């Protein structure tokens, strides 16, 4: 430790670059989440209108569409942690929710 009043110039410590052996999954950019949410919401909203009619589907279809889109977005964020199997499970869950 330098005495008081003395200035030392130490080079800044640079972070280690990411390597192929890194165990941390890649971080997904939130722009993809907006795209996933918008696409799933629109598709499921159209499905609700077609399935339950103009008045009921248009009037209340936003609620299940929002829930399905939120679930799809949450699964989209979790997919790097779970691997390729998560993408398949995500598609199956979304398809099952759209059929209900």
C-alpha atoms as a PDB file:
ATOM      1  CA  UNK A   1       0.000   0.000   0.000  1.00  0.00           C
ATOM      2  CA  UNK A   2       1.509   3.336  -0.992  1.00  0.00           C
ATOM      3  CA  UNK A   3       1.943   6.082   1.571  1.00  0.00           C
ATOM      4  CA  UNK A   4      -0.772   8.708   1.600  1.00  0.00           C
ATOM      5  CA  UNK A   5      -0.516  11.285  -1.148  1.00  0.00           C
ATOM      6  CA  UNK A   6       1.467   9.023  -3.482  1.00  0.00           C
ATOM      7  CA  UNK A   7      -0.197   8.069  -6.760  1.00  0.00           C
ATOM      8  CA  UNK A   8       0.499   4.705  -8.338  1.00  0.00           C
ATOM      9  CA  UNK A   9      -0.350   3.732 -11.850  1.00  0.00           C
ATOM     10  CA  UNK A  10      -1.285   0.082 -12.071  1.00  0.00           C
ATOM     11  CA  UNK A  11      -2.662  -1.306 -15.311  1.00  0.00           C
ATOM     12  CA  UNK A  12      -6.382  -2.083 -15.178  1.00  0.00           C
ATOM     13  CA  UNK A  13      -7.346  -5.708 -14.806  1.00  0.00           C
ATOM     14  CA  UNK A  14      -9.058  -6.980 -17.959  1.00  0.00           C
ATOM     15  CA  UNK A  15     -11.741  -9.677 -17.697  1.00  0.00           C
ATOM     16  CA  UNK A  16     -10.930 -13.069 -19.093  1.00  0.00           C
ATOM     17  CA  UNK A  17     -12.372 -13.706 -22.556  1.00  0.00           C
ATOM     18  CA  UNK A  18     -15.053 -16.353 -22.881  1.00  0.00           C
ATOM     19  CA  UNK A  19     -13.745 -19.711 -23.991  1.00  0.00           C
ATOM     20  CA  UNK A  20     -15.340 -22.780 -25.483  1.00  0.00           C
ATOM     21  CA  UNK A  21     -15.014 -24.487 -22.114  1.00  0.00           C
ATOM     22  CA  UNK A  22     -17.244 -21.914 -20.431  1.00  0.00           C
ATOM     23  CA  UNK A  23     -20.164 -23.589 -18.656  1.00  0.00           C
ATOM     24  CA  UNK A  24     -22.382 -20.503 -18.636  1.00  0.00           C
ATOM     25  CA  UNK A  25     -25.173 -20.545 -21.229  1.00  0.00           C
ATOM     26  CA  UNK A  26     -25.352 -17.667 -23.679  1.00  0.00           C
ATOM     27  CA  UNK A  27     -27.533 -14.737 -22.709  1.00  0.00           C
ATOM     28  CA  UNK A  28     -30.470 -14.171 -25.022  1.00  0.00           C
ATOM     29  CA  UNK A  29     -31.213 -10.656 -26.178  1.00  0.00           C
ATOM     30  CA  UNK A  30     -34.617  -9.362 -25.031  1.00  0.00           C
ATOM     31  CA  UNK A  31     -35.558  -8.301 -28.573  1.00  0.00           C
ATOM     32  CA  UNK A  32     -36.220 -11.963 -29.361  1.00  0.00           C
ATOM     33  CA  UNK A  33     -38.615 -12.121 -26.423  1.00  0.00           C
ATOM     34  CA  UNK A  34     -40.641  -9.268 -27.886  1.00  0.00           C
ATOM     35  CA  UNK A  35     -40.809 -11.066 -31.226  1.00  0.00           C
ATOM     36  CA  UNK A  36     -41.825 -14.379 -29.595  1.00  0.00           C
ATOM     37  CA  UNK A  37     -44.479 -12.644 -27.508  1.00  0.00           C
ATOM     38  CA  UNK A  38     -45.924 -10.710 -30.445  1.00  0.00           C
ATOM     39  CA  UNK A  39     -46.049 -13.683 -32.812  1.00  0.00           C
ATOM     40  CA  UNK A  40     -47.577 -16.074 -30.278  1.00  0.00           C
ATOM     41  CA  UNK A  41     -50.073 -13.449 -29.107  1.00  0.00           C
ATOM     42  CA  UNK A  42     -51.280 -12.623 -32.614  1.00  0.00           C
ATOM     43  CA  UNK A  43     -51.544 -16.263 -33.695  1.00  0.00           C
ATOM     44  CA  UNK A  44     -53.396 -17.347 -30.563  1.00  0.00           C
ATOM     45  CA  UNK A  45     -55.690 -14.275 -30.734  1.00  0.00           C
ATOM     46  CA  UNK A  46     -56.632 -15.171 -34.310  1.00  0.00           C
ATOM     47  CA  UNK A  47     -57.204 -18.749 -33.162  1.00  0.00           C
ATOM     48  CA  UNK A  48     -59.524 -17.557 -30.374  1.00  0.00           C
ATOM     49  CA  UNK A  49     -61.535 -15.446 -32.813  1.00  0.00           C
ATOM     50  CA  UNK A  50     -61.847 -18.366 -35.241  1.00  0.00           C
ATOM     51  CA  UNK A  51     -62.671 -20.889 -32.520  1.00  0.00           C
ATOM     52  CA  UNK A  52     -65.086 -18.931 -30.306  1.00  0.00           C
ATOM     53  CA  UNK A  53     -66.656 -16.521 -32.764  1.00  0.00           C
ATOM     54  CA  UNK A  54     -66.317 -12.853 -33.440  1.00  0.00           C
ATOM     55  CA  UNK A  55     -67.894 -11.443 -30.271  1.00  0.00           C
ATOM     56  CA  UNK A  56     -66.497 -13.811 -27.654  1.00  0.00           C
ATOM     57  CA  UNK A  57     -63.161 -14.415 -29.390  1.00  0.00           C
ATOM     58  CA  UNK A  58     -62.521 -10.756 -30.084  1.00  0.00           C
ATOM     59  CA  UNK A  59     -63.853  -9.590 -26.731  1.00  0.00           C
ATOM     60  CA  UNK A  60     -62.141 -12.059 -24.414  1.00  0.00           C
ATOM     61  CA  UNK A  61     -59.560 -13.727 -26.658  1.00  0.00           C
ATOM     62  CA  UNK A  62     -56.827 -11.341 -25.522  1.00  0.00           C
ATOM     63  CA  UNK A  63     -56.765 -12.943 -22.057  1.00  0.00           C
ATOM     64  CA  UNK A  64     -55.796 -16.524 -23.020  1.00  0.00           C
ATOM     65  CA  UNK A  65     -53.632 -15.117 -25.814  1.00  0.00           C
ATOM     66  CA  UNK A  66     -51.675 -13.054 -23.311  1.00  0.00           C
ATOM     67  CA  UNK A  67     -51.243 -16.037 -20.993  1.00  0.00           C
ATOM     68  CA  UNK A  68     -50.014 -18.307 -23.778  1.00  0.00           C
ATOM     69  CA  UNK A  69     -47.659 -15.610 -25.095  1.00  0.00           C
ATOM     70  CA  UNK A  70     -46.255 -15.007 -21.597  1.00  0.00           C
ATOM     71  CA  UNK A  71     -45.621 -18.717 -21.136  1.00  0.00           C
ATOM     72  CA  UNK A  72     -43.925 -18.952 -24.532  1.00  0.00           C
ATOM     73  CA  UNK A  73     -41.699 -15.981 -23.688  1.00  0.00           C
ATOM     74  CA  UNK A  74     -40.736 -17.500 -20.339  1.00  0.00           C
ATOM     75  CA  UNK A  75     -39.845 -20.777 -22.057  1.00  0.00           C
ATOM     76  CA  UNK A  76     -37.885 -18.815 -24.658  1.00  0.00           C
ATOM     77  CA  UNK A  77     -35.724 -17.309 -21.910  1.00  0.00           C
ATOM     78  CA  UNK A  78     -35.218 -20.708 -20.235  1.00  0.00           C
ATOM     79  CA  UNK A  79     -34.229 -22.565 -23.397  1.00  0.00           C
ATOM     80  CA  UNK A  80     -30.437 -21.876 -23.164  1.00  0.00           C
ATOM     81  CA  UNK A  81     -30.399 -23.439 -19.698  1.00  0.00           C
ATOM     82  CA  UNK A  82     -32.256 -26.565 -20.756  1.00  0.00           C
ATOM     83  CA  UNK A  83     -30.697 -27.197 -24.174  1.00  0.00           C
ATOM     84  CA  UNK A  84     -32.209 -28.400 -27.419  1.00  0.00           C
ATOM     85  CA  UNK A  85     -34.832 -30.507 -25.680  1.00  0.00           C
ATOM     86  CA  UNK A  86     -36.367 -27.326 -24.275  1.00  0.00           C
ATOM     87  CA  UNK A  87     -37.053 -25.978 -27.743  1.00  0.00           C
ATOM     88  CA  UNK A  88     -38.972 -29.142 -28.635  1.00  0.00           C
ATOM     89  CA  UNK A  89     -40.873 -29.077 -25.345  1.00  0.00           C
ATOM     90  CA  UNK A  90     -41.629 -25.394 -25.876  1.00  0.00           C
ATOM     91  CA  UNK A  91     -43.175 -26.051 -29.266  1.00  0.00           C
ATOM     92  CA  UNK A  92     -45.235 -28.958 -27.926  1.00  0.00           C
ATOM     93  CA  UNK A  93     -46.520 -26.912 -24.979  1.00  0.00           C
ATOM     94  CA  UNK A  94     -47.454 -23.969 -27.179  1.00  0.00           C
ATOM     95  CA  UNK A  95     -49.219 -26.245 -29.650  1.00  0.00           C
ATOM     96  CA  UNK A  96     -51.104 -27.985 -26.822  1.00  0.00           C
ATOM     97  CA  UNK A  97     -52.188 -24.661 -25.337  1.00  0.00           C
ATOM     98  CA  UNK A  98     -53.406 -23.439 -28.704  1.00  0.00           C
ATOM     99  CA  UNK A  99     -55.502 -26.570 -29.164  1.00  0.00           C
ATOM    100  CA  UNK A 100     -57.205 -26.110 -25.793  1.00  0.00           C
END
